[in-house]
C-alpha atoms as a PDB file:
ATOM      1  CA  MET A   1      -8.667   5.340 -37.199  1.00  0.00           C
ATOM      2  CA  PRO A   2      -6.967   7.439 -35.464  1.00  0.00           C
ATOM      3  CA  ASN A   3      -3.211   7.473 -34.939  1.00  0.00           C
ATOM      4  CA  ILE A   4      -1.587   7.215 -31.545  1.00  0.00           C
ATOM      5  CA  SER A   5      -1.468  11.371 -31.165  1.00  0.00           C
ATOM      6  CA  GLN A   6      -4.862  11.733 -32.121  1.00  0.00           C
ATOM      7  CA  ALA A   7      -6.252   8.508 -30.167  1.00  0.00           C
ATOM      8  CA  ILE A   8      -4.762  10.250 -26.795  1.00  0.00           C
ATOM      9  CA  ASP A   9      -6.097  13.618 -27.851  1.00  0.00           C
ATOM     10  CA  GLU A  10      -9.699  11.998 -27.568  1.00  0.00           C
ATOM     11  CA  GLY A  11      -8.841  10.302 -24.705  1.00  0.00           C
ATOM     12  CA  ALA A  12      -7.596  12.837 -23.019  1.00  0.00           C
ATOM     13  CA  ALA A  13     -10.237  15.218 -23.731  1.00  0.00           C
ATOM     14  CA  ARG A  14     -13.223  12.447 -22.845  1.00  0.00           C
ATOM     15  CA  LEU A  15     -11.100  12.414 -19.131  1.00  0.00           C
ATOM     16  CA  LYS A  16     -10.989  16.513 -19.020  1.00  0.00           C
ATOM     17  CA  GLY A  17     -14.750  16.549 -19.162  1.00  0.00           C
ATOM     18  CA  ALA A  18     -14.797  14.198 -16.392  1.00  0.00           C
ATOM     19  CA  ALA A  19     -12.967  16.168 -13.826  1.00  0.00           C
ATOM     20  CA  ILE A  20     -10.403  13.923 -13.691  1.00  0.00           C
ATOM     21  CA  GLU A  21      -6.912  14.864 -12.886  1.00  0.00           C
ATOM     22  CA  TYR A  22      -3.308  14.176 -15.475  1.00  0.00           C
ATOM     23  CA  ASP A  23      -5.690  13.511 -18.074  1.00  0.00           C
ATOM     24  CA  ARG A  24      -3.495  13.441 -21.199  1.00  0.00           C
ATOM     25  CA  ARG A  25      -0.874  11.635 -19.046  1.00  0.00           C
ATOM     26  CA  THR A  26      -3.668   8.875 -18.247  1.00  0.00           C
ATOM     27  CA  ALA A  27      -5.078   8.495 -21.447  1.00  0.00           C
ATOM     28  CA  GLY A  28      -1.516   7.805 -22.549  1.00  0.00           C
ATOM     29  CA  VAL A  29      -1.146   4.752 -20.119  1.00  0.00           C
ATOM     30  CA  LEU A  30      -4.188   3.895 -20.926  1.00  0.00           C
ATOM     31  CA  LEU A  31      -3.413   3.430 -24.802  1.00  0.00           C
ATOM     32  CA  ALA A  32      -0.067   1.964 -23.909  1.00  0.00           C
ATOM     33  CA  HIS A  33      -1.380  -0.755 -22.070  1.00  0.00           C
ATOM     34  CA  VAL A  34      -4.337  -1.491 -24.947  1.00  0.00           C
ATOM     35  CA  LEU A  35      -1.094  -1.320 -27.163  1.00  0.00           C
ATOM     36  CA  GLY A  36       1.182  -4.080 -24.930  1.00  0.00           C
ATOM     37  CA  VAL A  37       3.702  -0.942 -25.339  1.00  0.00           C
ATOM     38  CA  ASP A  38       5.836   1.467 -23.336  1.00  0.00           C
ATOM     39  CA  ARG A  39       5.056   5.082 -23.555  1.00  0.00           C
ATOM     40  CA  THR A  40       8.709   5.763 -25.128  1.00  0.00           C
ATOM     41  CA  HIS A  41       6.553   4.122 -28.041  1.00  0.00           C
ATOM     42  CA  LEU A  42       3.954   6.086 -28.251  1.00  0.00           C
ATOM     43  CA  LEU A  43       6.312   9.491 -28.276  1.00  0.00           C
ATOM     44  CA  THR A  44       8.140   8.108 -31.265  1.00  0.00           C
ATOM     45  CA  ARG A  45       6.102   6.492 -33.242  1.00  0.00           C
ATOM     46  CA  SER A  46       2.950   8.966 -32.375  1.00  0.00           C
ATOM     47  CA  ASP A  47       1.892   9.134 -36.545  1.00  0.00           C
ATOM     48  CA  ASP A  48       0.991   5.023 -36.443  1.00  0.00           C
ATOM     49  CA  LYS A  49      -2.383   4.340 -36.904  1.00  0.00           C
ATOM     50  CA  VAL A  50      -4.377   2.345 -33.851  1.00  0.00           C
ATOM     51  CA  GLY A  51      -5.999  -0.430 -35.213  1.00  0.00           C
ATOM     52  CA  GLU A  52     -10.455  -0.809 -34.858  1.00  0.00           C
ATOM     53  CA  SER A  53     -10.338  -3.294 -32.341  1.00  0.00           C
ATOM     54  CA  ASN A  54      -7.710  -1.667 -29.731  1.00  0.00           C
ATOM     55  CA  TYR A  55      -9.088   1.887 -30.482  1.00  0.00           C
ATOM     56  CA  GLU A  56     -12.305   0.634 -29.125  1.00  0.00           C
ATOM     57  CA  ASP A  57     -10.794  -1.162 -26.409  1.00  0.00           C
ATOM     58  CA  TYR A  58      -8.870   1.769 -25.249  1.00  0.00           C
ATOM     59  CA  LEU A  59     -12.332   3.958 -25.286  1.00  0.00           C
ATOM     60  CA  ALA A  60     -13.983   1.125 -23.389  1.00  0.00           C
ATOM     61  CA  LEU A  61     -10.793   1.997 -20.516  1.00  0.00           C
ATOM     62  CA  ILE A  62     -11.315   5.623 -21.142  1.00  0.00           C
ATOM     63  CA  ALA A  63     -14.948   5.297 -19.894  1.00  0.00           C
ATOM     64  CA  ARG A  64     -13.749   3.476 -16.873  1.00  0.00           C
ATOM     65  CA  ARG A  65     -11.151   5.845 -16.071  1.00  0.00           C
ATOM     66  CA  ALA A  66     -14.103   8.694 -16.384  1.00  0.00           C
ATOM     67  CA  ALA A  67     -16.686   6.925 -14.096  1.00  0.00           C
ATOM     68  CA  GLY A  68     -14.362   6.953 -11.326  1.00  0.00           C
ATOM     69  CA  GLU A  69     -12.640   3.893 -11.591  1.00  0.00           C
ATOM     70  CA  PRO A  70      -9.038   4.356 -10.649  1.00  0.00           C
ATOM     71  CA  LEU A  71      -6.268   3.946 -13.117  1.00  0.00           C
ATOM     72  CA  GLN A  72      -4.739   0.498 -11.156  1.00  0.00           C
ATOM     73  CA  TYR A  73      -7.382  -1.647 -11.030  1.00  0.00           C
ATOM     74  CA  ILE A  74      -8.179  -0.330 -14.990  1.00  0.00           C
ATOM     75  CA  THR A  75      -4.397  -1.565 -15.786  1.00  0.00           C
ATOM     76  CA  GLY A  76      -4.230  -4.159 -12.925  1.00  0.00           C
ATOM     77  CA  HIS A  77      -0.665  -2.600 -11.922  1.00  0.00           C
ATOM     78  CA  GLN A  78       0.996  -0.194  -9.428  1.00  0.00           C
ATOM     79  CA  GLU A  79       4.424   0.132  -8.596  1.00  0.00           C
ATOM     80  CA  PHE A  80       5.486   0.331  -4.842  1.00  0.00           C
ATOM     81  CA  PHE A  81       8.920  -0.138  -3.401  1.00  0.00           C
ATOM     82  CA  GLY A  82      10.731   0.078  -6.818  1.00  0.00           C
ATOM     83  CA  LEU A  83       8.898  -3.360  -7.467  1.00  0.00           C
ATOM     84  CA  ASP A  84       5.618  -3.890  -9.358  1.00  0.00           C
ATOM     85  CA  PHE A  85       2.487  -5.514  -8.142  1.00  0.00           C
ATOM     86  CA  HIS A  86      -0.419  -6.822  -9.442  1.00  0.00           C
ATOM     87  CA  VAL A  87      -3.605  -5.276  -8.025  1.00  0.00           C
ATOM     88  CA  THR A  88      -7.365  -5.687  -7.904  1.00  0.00           C
ATOM     89  CA  PRO A  89     -10.603  -4.311  -6.411  1.00  0.00           C
ATOM     90  CA  SER A  90     -10.241  -7.243  -3.642  1.00  0.00           C
ATOM     91  CA  VAL A  91      -7.015  -4.755  -2.260  1.00  0.00           C
ATOM     92  CA  LEU A  92      -6.340  -1.912  -1.514  1.00  0.00           C
ATOM     93  CA  ILE A  93      -4.047   0.063  -4.029  1.00  0.00           C
ATOM     94  CA  PRO A  94      -0.407   0.379  -2.684  1.00  0.00           C
ATOM     95  CA  ARG A  95       0.267   4.188  -1.714  1.00  0.00           C
ATOM     96  CA  PRO A  96       4.170   6.057  -1.615  1.00  0.00           C
ATOM     97  CA  GLU A  97       3.699   6.963   1.870  1.00  0.00           C
ATOM     98  CA  THR A  98       3.931   3.248   3.036  1.00  0.00           C
ATOM     99  CA  GLU A  99       7.147   2.852   1.724  1.00  0.00           C
ATOM    100  CA  PHE A 100       8.284   4.559   4.893  1.00  0.00           C
ATOM    101  CA  LEU A 101       6.830   1.832   6.533  1.00  0.00           C
ATOM    102  CA  VAL A 102       9.249  -0.572   4.685  1.00  0.00           C
ATOM    103  CA  GLU A 103      11.882   2.257   4.671  1.00  0.00           C
ATOM    104  CA  ARG A 104      11.415   1.698   8.791  1.00  0.00           C
ATOM    105  CA  ILE A 105      11.576  -2.012   8.794  1.00  0.00           C
ATOM    106  CA  ILE A 106      14.641  -2.474   6.611  1.00  0.00           C
ATOM    107  CA  LYS A 107      16.067  -0.019   9.169  1.00  0.00           C
ATOM    108  CA  LEU A 108      15.286  -1.722  11.964  1.00  0.00           C
ATOM    109  CA  VAL A 109      16.408  -5.119  11.193  1.00  0.00           C
ATOM    110  CA  ASP A 110      19.244  -4.013   9.467  1.00  0.00           C
ATOM    111  CA  ASP A 111      22.451  -6.756  10.270  1.00  0.00           C
ATOM    112  CA  SER A 112      21.698  -6.396  13.772  1.00  0.00           C
ATOM    113  CA  ILE A 113      19.199  -9.709  13.499  1.00  0.00           C
ATOM    114  CA  GLU A 114      20.632 -12.378  12.012  1.00  0.00           C
ATOM    115  CA  SER A 115      17.371 -14.229  10.760  1.00  0.00           C
ATOM    116  CA  PRO A 116      14.206 -11.792  11.913  1.00  0.00           C
ATOM    117  CA  LEU A 117      10.683 -12.676  11.719  1.00  0.00           C
ATOM    118  CA  ILE A 118       9.087 -10.680  10.098  1.00  0.00           C
ATOM    119  CA  VAL A 119       4.869 -10.442  10.605  1.00  0.00           C
ATOM    120  CA  ASP A 120       2.593  -7.966   8.291  1.00  0.00           C
ATOM    121  CA  VAL A 121      -0.678  -7.962   9.362  1.00  0.00           C
ATOM    122  CA  GLY A 122      -3.407  -7.616   6.894  1.00  0.00           C
ATOM    123  CA  THR A 123      -1.562  -8.409   4.352  1.00  0.00           C
ATOM    124  CA  GLY A 124      -3.954  -6.852   1.047  1.00  0.00           C
ATOM    125  CA  SER A 125      -2.090  -6.850  -1.999  1.00  0.00           C
ATOM    126  CA  GLY A 126       1.510  -8.393  -0.565  1.00  0.00           C
ATOM    127  CA  CYS A 127       3.322  -4.989  -1.182  1.00  0.00           C
ATOM    128  CA  ILE A 128       5.208  -4.732   2.054  1.00  0.00           C
ATOM    129  CA  ALA A 129       5.693  -8.325   2.837  1.00  0.00           C
ATOM    130  CA  VAL A 130       6.838  -8.788  -0.958  1.00  0.00           C
ATOM    131  CA  ALA A 131       9.013  -5.275  -0.739  1.00  0.00           C
ATOM    132  CA  LEU A 132      10.537  -6.460   2.891  1.00  0.00           C
ATOM    133  CA  ALA A 133      11.546 -10.163   1.270  1.00  0.00           C
ATOM    134  CA  VAL A 134      13.310  -8.459  -1.563  1.00  0.00           C
ATOM    135  CA  ASN A 135      15.271  -6.367   0.431  1.00  0.00           C
ATOM    136  CA  VAL A 136      15.712  -8.598   3.963  1.00  0.00           C
ATOM    137  CA  PRO A 137      16.721 -12.102   2.263  1.00  0.00           C
ATOM    138  CA  ARG A 138      17.945 -13.414   5.147  1.00  0.00           C
ATOM    139  CA  ALA A 139      14.094 -12.269   7.019  1.00  0.00           C
ATOM    140  CA  GLN A 140      11.405 -15.202   7.533  1.00  0.00           C
ATOM    141  CA  VAL A 141       7.792 -13.173   6.256  1.00  0.00           C
ATOM    142  CA  ILE A 142       4.496 -14.211   7.633  1.00  0.00           C
ATOM    143  CA  ALA A 143       1.851 -12.369   5.826  1.00  0.00           C
ATOM    144  CA  THR A 144      -2.100 -12.562   7.270  1.00  0.00           C
ATOM    145  CA  ASP A 145      -5.388 -11.338   5.971  1.00  0.00           C
ATOM    146  CA  LEU A 146      -8.952 -12.255   6.728  1.00  0.00           C
ATOM    147  CA  SER A 147      -9.865 -12.092   2.545  1.00  0.00           C
ATOM    148  CA  VAL A 148      -8.918 -15.135   1.049  1.00  0.00           C
ATOM    149  CA  ALA A 149      -9.267 -13.191  -2.158  1.00  0.00           C
ATOM    150  CA  ALA A 150      -5.976 -10.640  -1.105  1.00  0.00           C
ATOM    151  CA  LEU A 151      -4.499 -13.421   0.109  1.00  0.00           C
ATOM    152  CA  GLU A 152      -4.343 -14.640  -3.538  1.00  0.00           C
ATOM    153  CA  VAL A 153      -3.566 -11.208  -5.211  1.00  0.00           C
ATOM    154  CA  ALA A 154      -0.505 -11.591  -2.861  1.00  0.00           C
ATOM    155  CA  ARG A 155       0.232 -14.736  -3.703  1.00  0.00           C
ATOM    156  CA  MET A 156       0.377 -13.951  -7.377  1.00  0.00           C
ATOM    157  CA  ASN A 157       2.706 -10.744  -6.060  1.00  0.00           C
ATOM    158  CA  ALA A 158       5.063 -12.570  -3.919  1.00  0.00           C
ATOM    159  CA  ALA A 159       5.423 -15.165  -6.807  1.00  0.00           C
ATOM    160  CA  ARG A 160       6.238 -12.516 -10.074  1.00  0.00           C
ATOM    161  CA  HIS A 161       9.572 -11.089  -7.639  1.00  0.00           C
ATOM    162  CA  GLY A 162      10.668 -14.605  -6.904  1.00  0.00           C
ATOM    163  CA  VAL A 163      10.227 -14.759  -3.237  1.00  0.00           C
ATOM    164  CA  ALA A 164       6.962 -17.169  -2.910  1.00  0.00           C
ATOM    165  CA  ARG A 165       9.066 -19.828  -0.923  1.00  0.00           C
ATOM    166  CA  LYS A 166      10.139 -16.564   1.965  1.00  0.00           C
ATOM    167  CA  ILE A 167       6.992 -15.668   3.191  1.00  0.00           C
ATOM    168  CA  GLN A 168       4.338 -17.587   5.123  1.00  0.00           C
ATOM    169  CA  PHE A 169       1.071 -16.503   3.332  1.00  0.00           C
ATOM    170  CA  VAL A 170      -1.983 -17.096   6.131  1.00  0.00           C
ATOM    171  CA  GLN A 171      -5.411 -16.257   6.369  1.00  0.00           C
ATOM    172  CA  GLY A 172      -6.992 -15.376   9.220  1.00  0.00           C
ATOM    173  CA  ASP A 173      -8.162 -12.453  11.672  1.00  0.00           C
ATOM    174  CA  LEU A 174      -5.749 -10.012  12.957  1.00  0.00           C
ATOM    175  CA  LEU A 175      -3.391 -12.431  14.865  1.00  0.00           C
ATOM    176  CA  GLU A 176      -5.505 -15.366  15.238  1.00  0.00           C
ATOM    177  CA  PRO A 177      -2.692 -17.299  12.684  1.00  0.00           C
ATOM    178  CA  LEU A 178      -0.061 -16.451  15.223  1.00  0.00           C
ATOM    179  CA  ALA A 179      -2.051 -17.811  18.324  1.00  0.00           C
ATOM    180  CA  ILE A 180      -2.408 -20.767  15.933  1.00  0.00           C
ATOM    181  CA  ARG A 181       1.121 -21.336  15.659  1.00  0.00           C
ATOM    182  CA  ARG A 182       1.574 -20.830  18.942  1.00  0.00           C
ATOM    183  CA  LEU A 183       4.614 -17.801  18.052  1.00  0.00           C
ATOM    184  CA  GLU A 184       4.230 -16.022  21.551  1.00  0.00           C
ATOM    185  CA  ASN A 185       7.680 -14.144  22.412  1.00  0.00           C
ATOM    186  CA  SER A 186       9.251 -14.664  18.593  1.00  0.00           C
ATOM    187  CA  VAL A 187       8.255 -11.986  16.425  1.00  0.00           C
ATOM    188  CA  ASP A 188      11.517  -9.633  16.026  1.00  0.00           C
ATOM    189  CA  VAL A 189       9.210  -6.822  13.857  1.00  0.00           C
ATOM    190  CA  LEU A 190       4.974  -6.541  13.136  1.00  0.00           C
ATOM    191  CA  ALA A 191       3.862  -4.679  10.466  1.00  0.00           C
ATOM    192  CA  SER A 192       0.759  -3.623   9.749  1.00  0.00           C
ATOM    193  CA  ASN A 193      -0.777  -0.703   6.919  1.00  0.00           C
ATOM    194  CA  PRO A 194      -3.857  -0.996   8.891  1.00  0.00           C
ATOM    195  CA  PRO A 195      -7.770   0.546   7.981  1.00  0.00           C
ATOM    196  CA  TYR A 196      -7.992   3.336   9.756  1.00  0.00           C
ATOM    197  CA  VAL A 197     -10.425   5.827   8.098  1.00  0.00           C
ATOM    198  CA  ASN A 198     -13.195   7.248  10.779  1.00  0.00           C
ATOM    199  CA  GLU A 199     -16.410   5.219   9.176  1.00  0.00           C
ATOM    200  CA  GLY A 200     -18.409   8.164  10.419  1.00  0.00           C
ATOM    201  CA  LYS A 201     -16.522  11.138   8.259  1.00  0.00           C
ATOM    202  CA  PRO A 202     -15.910   8.979   4.907  1.00  0.00           C
ATOM    203  CA  TYR A 203     -15.607  12.431   2.947  1.00  0.00           C
ATOM    204  CA  LEU A 204     -12.208  12.078   4.420  1.00  0.00           C
ATOM    205  CA  VAL A 205     -11.249  10.330   1.319  1.00  0.00           C
ATOM    206  CA  GLN A 206     -11.638  10.797  -2.485  1.00  0.00           C
ATOM    207  CA  ARG A 207     -14.957   9.307  -4.099  1.00  0.00           C
ATOM    208  CA  GLU A 208     -12.741   6.903  -6.120  1.00  0.00           C
ATOM    209  CA  VAL A 209     -11.022   5.464  -3.229  1.00  0.00           C
ATOM    210  CA  ARG A 210     -14.219   5.470  -1.052  1.00  0.00           C
ATOM    211  CA  ASP A 211     -16.169   3.967  -4.235  1.00  0.00           C
ATOM    212  CA  TRP A 212     -14.172   1.424  -5.482  1.00  0.00           C
ATOM    213  CA  GLU A 213     -11.413   0.363  -3.191  1.00  0.00           C
ATOM    214  CA  PRO A 214     -12.191  -2.664  -0.076  1.00  0.00           C
ATOM    215  CA  ARG A 215     -14.309  -1.016   2.673  1.00  0.00           C
ATOM    216  CA  GLU A 216     -12.489  -3.819   4.941  1.00  0.00           C
ATOM    217  CA  ALA A 217      -9.310  -2.065   4.093  1.00  0.00           C
ATOM    218  CA  LEU A 218     -10.180   0.787   4.740  1.00  0.00           C
ATOM    219  CA  PHE A 219     -12.242   1.917   7.334  1.00  0.00           C
ATOM    220  CA  GLY A 220     -11.710   1.478  11.303  1.00  0.00           C
ATOM    221  CA  GLY A 221     -14.590   1.887  13.079  1.00  0.00           C
ATOM    222  CA  VAL A 222     -16.800   4.816  14.238  1.00  0.00           C
ATOM    223  CA  ASP A 223     -13.433   6.775  15.427  1.00  0.00           C
ATOM    224  CA  GLY A 224     -10.848   4.785  12.573  1.00  0.00           C
ATOM    225  CA  LEU A 225      -9.170   3.596  15.620  1.00  0.00           C
ATOM    226  CA  GLU A 226     -10.494   0.485  16.160  1.00  0.00           C
ATOM    227  CA  PHE A 227      -8.001  -1.698  14.856  1.00  0.00           C
ATOM    228  CA  PHE A 228      -5.079  -0.183  16.501  1.00  0.00           C
ATOM    229  CA  ARG A 229      -6.698  -0.465  19.859  1.00  0.00           C
ATOM    230  CA  ARG A 230      -6.824  -4.653  18.965  1.00  0.00           C
ATOM    231  CA  LEU A 231      -3.319  -4.244  17.535  1.00  0.00           C
ATOM    232  CA  LEU A 232      -1.538  -2.534  20.263  1.00  0.00           C
ATOM    233  CA  VAL A 233      -3.568  -4.646  23.520  1.00  0.00           C
ATOM    234  CA  ASP A 234      -3.111  -8.247  21.637  1.00  0.00           C
ATOM    235  CA  SER A 235       0.542  -7.638  19.672  1.00  0.00           C
ATOM    236  CA  PRO A 236       2.519  -7.711  22.631  1.00  0.00           C
ATOM    237  CA  ARG A 237       2.705 -11.105  23.733  1.00  0.00           C
ATOM    238  CA  TYR A 238       4.146 -12.421  20.315  1.00  0.00           C
ATOM    239  CA  LEU A 239       6.803  -9.709  20.032  1.00  0.00           C
ATOM    240  CA  LYS A 240       9.991 -10.658  21.529  1.00  0.00           C
ATOM    241  CA  PRO A 241      11.010  -8.304  24.191  1.00  0.00           C
ATOM    242  CA  GLY A 242      12.568  -5.739  22.285  1.00  0.00           C
ATOM    243  CA  GLY A 243      10.866  -6.262  19.891  1.00  0.00           C
ATOM    244  CA  SER A 244       9.097  -3.452  17.697  1.00  0.00           C
ATOM    245  CA  LEU A 245       5.424  -2.653  16.166  1.00  0.00           C
ATOM    246  CA  VAL A 246       5.473  -0.622  13.156  1.00  0.00           C
ATOM    247  CA  PHE A 247       2.673   0.634  11.646  1.00  0.00           C
ATOM    248  CA  GLU A 248       0.982   3.847   9.468  1.00  0.00           C
ATOM    249  CA  ILE A 249      -1.671   6.155  10.544  1.00  0.00           C
ATOM    250  CA  GLY A 250      -4.276   8.302   9.627  1.00  0.00           C
ATOM    251  CA  PHE A 251      -4.289  12.370   9.111  1.00  0.00           C
ATOM    252  CA  SER A 252      -4.661  13.765  12.697  1.00  0.00           C
ATOM    253  CA  GLN A 253      -4.587  10.393  14.913  1.00  0.00           C
ATOM    254  CA  LEU A 254      -1.243  10.528  16.250  1.00  0.00           C
ATOM    255  CA  ASP A 255      -2.571  12.076  19.549  1.00  0.00           C
ATOM    256  CA  ALA A 256      -4.557   9.530  20.005  1.00  0.00           C
ATOM    257  CA  ILE A 257      -2.219   6.918  19.470  1.00  0.00           C
ATOM    258  CA  ARG A 258      -0.008   8.555  21.940  1.00  0.00           C
ATOM    259  CA  GLY A 259      -3.025   8.051  24.514  1.00  0.00           C
ATOM    260  CA  ILE A 260      -3.788   4.720  23.737  1.00  0.00           C
ATOM    261  CA  ILE A 261       0.138   3.478  24.290  1.00  0.00           C
ATOM    262  CA  GLN A 262       0.434   5.563  27.454  1.00  0.00           C
ATOM    263  CA  GLY A 263       0.479   3.214  30.083  1.00  0.00           C
ATOM    264  CA  SER A 264       0.824  -0.013  27.768  1.00  0.00           C
ATOM    265  CA  ALA A 265       3.365  -2.817  27.091  1.00  0.00           C
ATOM    266  CA  TRP A 266       4.443  -0.431  24.688  1.00  0.00           C
ATOM    267  CA  GLU A 267       7.487   2.583  24.039  1.00  0.00           C
ATOM    268  CA  LEU A 268       6.866   4.954  21.495  1.00  0.00           C
ATOM    269  CA  VAL A 269      10.167   5.371  19.823  1.00  0.00           C
ATOM    270  CA  ASP A 270       9.446   7.015  16.083  1.00  0.00           C
ATOM    271  CA  VAL A 271       7.438   8.502  14.291  1.00  0.00           C
ATOM    272  CA  ALA A 272       8.092   8.990  10.852  1.00  0.00           C
ATOM    273  CA  CYS A 273       6.311  11.964   8.360  1.00  0.00           C
ATOM    274  CA  ASP A 274       5.331  12.063   4.760  1.00  0.00           C
ATOM    275  CA  LEU A 275       6.761  14.277   2.402  1.00  0.00           C
ATOM    276  CA  GLN A 276       3.744  16.319   2.966  1.00  0.00           C
ATOM    277  CA  GLY A 277       5.118  16.731   6.547  1.00  0.00           C
ATOM    278  CA  ILE A 278       1.840  14.779   8.277  1.00  0.00           C
ATOM    279  CA  PRO A 279       2.637  12.070  10.589  1.00  0.00           C
ATOM    280  CA  ARG A 280       2.039   8.624   8.956  1.00  0.00           C
ATOM    281  CA  THR A 281       4.580   5.964  10.277  1.00  0.00           C
ATOM    282  CA  VAL A 282       4.641   4.969  13.946  1.00  0.00           C
ATOM    283  CA  THR A 283       7.227   2.519  15.985  1.00  0.00           C
ATOM    284  CA  ALA A 284       6.884   1.257  19.262  1.00  0.00           C
ATOM    285  CA  MET A 285       8.641  -1.439  21.033  1.00  0.00           C
ATOM    286  CA  LYS A 286       7.694  -3.863  23.277  1.00  0.00           C
ATOM    287  CA  VAL A 287       9.329  -2.939  26.886  1.00  0.00           C
ATOM    288  CA  GLU A 288       8.962  -5.494  30.154  1.00  0.00           C
ATOM    289  CA  LYS A 289       6.777  -4.175  32.841  1.00  0.00           C
ATOM    290  CA  ASN A 290       8.292  -4.051  36.185  1.00  0.00           C
ATOM    291  CA  SER A 291       6.505  -6.598  38.578  1.00  0.00           C
END
């Protein structure tokens, strides 16, 4: 049986042959996952032998990654906003750029609202809702999703971070759960990381994303804007005057979003770019139209 160093060499070689990026780092993550140790253990105990059963399990995971399955689905973990989230193929894998959305909301509520009501529409793994509940403990959070399976994952993540009692998880399409609860003019901040990939241009996303992550969390209609149109039209009735809608957009969608907002019940107040300089997080404020 190989030692740890040899096992990583073999895994990295197989991943490299399959054109998987970060082959050696990925091999290390998978071996650490199988052995139930951290990366430091791999470095300091590199001569330790890997048992036959563990080695077989490890090579099976290497094969899954080589076939394109995302690393996060294989290990069941993804870090987001400094928190470890459980993920499954039922939910979109949390992305670093979505952390800008969470940061923006934290700044919005700051200390100016005593007990803000925040709604996360299309919560998926619950990463936005949980991160907000952890970092804004005085907030009330409602997290909605059409997928029952996604809500199960989100509830699990809320429990593991001790905020299960701070978040209401509700199944339903878009803002339907708010209508049922009669929350008109009640919400301080409505957040969403919607599906925004153009169905006619699936090549805009990586193969492993397109082939493995849930389509309903990725694709937003024939032009990628279907969800935004519904959200911007339907959500004003639930926000308080001066309430905010904060949502993530895709590459090159800002001009179209400006067009949808123009002449509506919204005022575009802020656009934040990600680390690559791409407009990513939009903040709009509900304004009262003059009669």
